[in-house]
Amino acid sequence: MMALMAKNIQPLLVGVQEQPRYRMEAIDIIPDLIHEEFIFETYEECLAWVLVNVEDTVPPYKEW
C-alpha cells in the first residue's frame, strides 16, 4: 500500500466486510492510510466517485 501512495495512487476499498474492516482499523490502516471517504459500500458508489474525481489521462483509442 505504501508503494501505491509513493506513486501518488489513492487506494479505494469497496464492500469491505465487518471483520477485515475491524482488523484494518485495529492496525490503523483505516483511517491513517485509507480515509473513510475512500471506502465505499458498492462498486457503483465507487465508480461514481471515480468519474467525478479522477482525471482520465489515457488518450482516446484511434483506429488506423
Protein backbone atom coordinates (compact mmCIF):
# COMPACT_ATOMS: atom_id res chain seq x y z
CA MET A 1 0.00 0.00 0.00
CA MET A 2 2.83 2.38 0.78
CA ALA A 3 4.26 1.75 -2.70
CA LEU A 4 0.98 2.91 -4.23
CA MET A 5 0.92 6.04 -2.11
CA ALA A 6 4.55 6.78 -3.01
CA LYS A 7 3.39 6.85 -6.64
CA ASN A 8 0.53 9.19 -5.69
CA ILE A 9 -2.08 6.45 -6.21
CA GLN A 10 -5.01 6.54 -3.79
CA PRO A 11 -6.34 3.07 -2.91
CA LEU A 12 -10.13 2.75 -2.87
CA LEU A 13 -11.94 -0.01 -0.96
CA VAL A 14 -15.33 -1.44 -1.92
CA GLY A 15 -17.59 -3.75 0.06
CA VAL A 16 -15.25 -4.30 2.99
CA GLN A 17 -16.71 -6.89 5.34
CA GLU A 18 -17.03 -6.21 9.06
CA GLN A 19 -14.18 -8.40 10.36
CA PRO A 20 -11.49 -7.31 7.85
CA ARG A 21 -12.51 -3.68 8.39
CA TYR A 22 -12.20 -4.13 12.15
CA ARG A 23 -8.68 -5.53 11.71
CA MET A 24 -7.68 -2.67 9.38
CA GLU A 25 -8.94 -0.18 11.97
CA ALA A 26 -7.10 -2.02 14.76
CA ILE A 27 -3.76 -1.59 12.98
CA ASP A 28 -4.59 1.93 11.80
CA ILE A 29 -4.77 1.25 8.07
CA ILE A 30 -8.19 2.86 8.41
CA PRO A 31 -8.16 5.88 8.85
CA ASP A 32 -4.41 6.63 8.81
CA LEU A 33 -3.69 5.27 5.32
CA ILE A 34 -7.17 4.95 3.83
CA HIS A 35 -9.58 7.66 4.93
CA GLU A 36 -13.29 6.95 5.34
CA GLU A 37 -14.08 8.96 2.18
CA PHE A 38 -12.26 6.31 0.12
CA ILE A 39 -14.30 3.36 1.43
CA PHE A 40 -17.48 2.55 -0.49
CA GLU A 41 -20.34 0.16 0.14
CA THR A 42 -20.89 -0.67 -3.54
CA TYR A 43 -18.95 -0.68 -6.79
CA GLU A 44 -21.48 1.76 -8.24
CA GLU A 45 -20.76 4.29 -5.48
CA CYS A 46 -17.03 3.90 -6.04
CA LEU A 47 -17.37 4.28 -9.81
CA ALA A 48 -19.49 7.42 -9.39
CA TRP A 49 -16.76 8.91 -7.17
CA VAL A 50 -14.04 7.96 -9.67
CA LEU A 51 -15.91 9.54 -12.60
CA VAL A 52 -16.17 12.85 -10.71
CA ASN A 53 -12.75 12.91 -9.03
CA VAL A 54 -10.24 11.11 -11.26
CA GLU A 55 -8.82 12.71 -14.38
CA ASP A 56 -8.63 10.45 -17.43
CA THR A 57 -5.01 10.54 -18.58
CA VAL A 58 -5.26 7.90 -21.30
CA PRO A 59 -5.85 9.32 -24.79
CA PRO A 60 -8.84 8.00 -26.72
CA TYR A 61 -8.23 4.98 -28.93
CA LYS A 62 -7.82 5.79 -32.60
CA GLU A 63 -8.44 3.23 -35.29
CA TRP A 64 -5.87 3.23 -38.07
